Amino acid sequence: MDDDLNKIKLTAGHMHEGCDRAYMLSSMFDEFLLQHPAVMRTPELKEKAETISDALGDFYQASGQAMADFDEQSDIVVDVKKLLGDE
């Protein structure tokens, strides 16, 4: 793929979408895994799931702050290949 095609100028829409996806993933993890009886009744799994849930919640909060702080005029450009480790 041409290097120019790998670069995306971030917009407020990207920031909102990223925050929304963080919320969705956090909510789904809590609802479908953290609350599962097998996880809730296995202390080791419960502890790890709670740690992951806390990290997802922190990420959601950070993405919300990044969205609030975002300035579309900042000309932020992301190299997608670098971001995904496909260099």
Protein backbone atom coordinates (compact mmCIF):
# COMPACT_ATOMS: atom_id res chain seq x y z
CA MET A 1 0.00 0.00 0.00
CA ASP A 2 1.24 3.47 -0.83
CA ASP A 3 2.56 5.34 2.25
CA ASP A 4 0.23 8.28 1.58
CA LEU A 5 -2.77 5.94 1.79
CA ASN A 6 -1.64 4.84 5.26
CA LYS A 7 -1.98 8.32 6.72
CA ILE A 8 -5.25 9.55 8.11
CA LYS A 9 -5.97 13.06 9.37
CA LEU A 10 -7.85 12.65 12.62
CA THR A 11 -11.18 14.40 12.89
CA ALA A 12 -13.60 14.99 15.75
CA GLY A 13 -15.63 12.12 14.28
CA HIS A 14 -12.70 9.73 14.69
CA MET A 15 -12.26 10.82 18.29
CA HIS A 16 -15.96 10.32 19.05
CA GLU A 17 -15.97 6.92 17.37
CA GLY A 18 -12.90 5.79 19.33
CA CYS A 19 -14.48 6.86 22.61
CA ASP A 20 -17.75 5.15 21.69
CA ARG A 21 -15.96 1.90 20.85
CA ALA A 22 -14.09 2.04 24.15
CA TYR A 23 -17.45 2.38 25.93
CA MET A 24 -18.98 -0.49 23.96
CA LEU A 25 -16.07 -2.83 24.66
CA SER A 26 -15.98 -1.95 28.35
CA SER A 27 -19.75 -2.43 28.68
CA MET A 28 -19.72 -5.74 26.81
CA PHE A 29 -16.79 -7.05 28.86
CA ASP A 30 -18.55 -6.21 32.12
CA GLU A 31 -21.94 -7.55 31.05
CA PHE A 32 -20.91 -10.75 29.28
CA LEU A 33 -17.69 -11.80 31.00
CA LEU A 34 -17.18 -10.09 34.35
CA GLN A 35 -20.74 -10.95 35.42
CA HIS A 36 -20.55 -14.55 34.16
CA PRO A 37 -21.02 -17.09 36.98
CA ALA A 38 -17.87 -19.02 36.02
CA VAL A 39 -15.83 -15.84 36.39
CA MET A 40 -17.61 -14.56 39.49
CA ARG A 41 -17.16 -17.89 41.31
CA THR A 42 -13.51 -18.48 40.37
CA PRO A 43 -11.40 -16.12 42.50
CA GLU A 44 -8.41 -16.04 40.13
CA LEU A 45 -10.60 -15.33 37.09
CA LYS A 46 -12.66 -12.77 38.99
CA GLU A 47 -9.54 -10.88 40.08
CA LYS A 48 -8.12 -10.82 36.55
CA ALA A 49 -11.48 -9.82 35.04
CA GLU A 50 -11.83 -6.98 37.55
CA THR A 51 -8.32 -5.77 36.65
CA ILE A 52 -9.21 -5.83 32.95
CA SER A 53 -12.52 -4.09 33.62
CA ASP A 54 -10.75 -1.34 35.56
CA ALA A 55 -8.22 -0.91 32.73
CA LEU A 56 -11.00 -0.70 30.13
CA GLY A 57 -12.80 1.87 32.26
CA ASP A 58 -9.60 3.90 32.58
CA PHE A 59 -9.10 3.70 28.82
CA TYR A 60 -12.66 4.89 28.22
CA GLN A 61 -12.10 7.84 30.55
CA ALA A 62 -8.80 8.68 28.83
CA SER A 63 -10.41 8.47 25.38
CA GLY A 64 -13.21 10.76 26.56
CA GLN A 65 -10.65 13.28 27.80
CA ALA A 66 -8.71 13.01 24.52
CA MET A 67 -11.95 13.61 22.63
CA ALA A 68 -12.74 16.66 24.78
CA ASP A 69 -9.22 18.04 24.30
CA PHE A 70 -9.07 17.33 20.57
CA ASP A 71 -8.64 20.28 18.25
CA GLU A 72 -9.37 19.42 14.63
CA GLN A 73 -7.11 22.26 13.54
CA SER A 74 -4.10 20.53 15.12
CA ASP A 75 -3.29 18.65 11.90
CA ILE A 76 -2.70 15.40 13.77
CA VAL A 77 -1.90 12.69 11.24
CA VAL A 78 -1.61 9.03 12.14
CA ASP A 79 0.49 6.55 10.20
CA VAL A 80 -1.85 3.55 10.28
CA LYS A 81 0.86 1.02 9.41
CA LYS A 82 2.99 2.24 12.31
CA LEU A 83 -0.01 2.28 14.63
CA LEU A 84 -0.83 -1.34 13.79
CA GLY A 85 2.81 -2.45 13.82
CA ASP A 86 2.76 -3.37 10.12
CA GLU A 87 5.91 -1.49 9.18
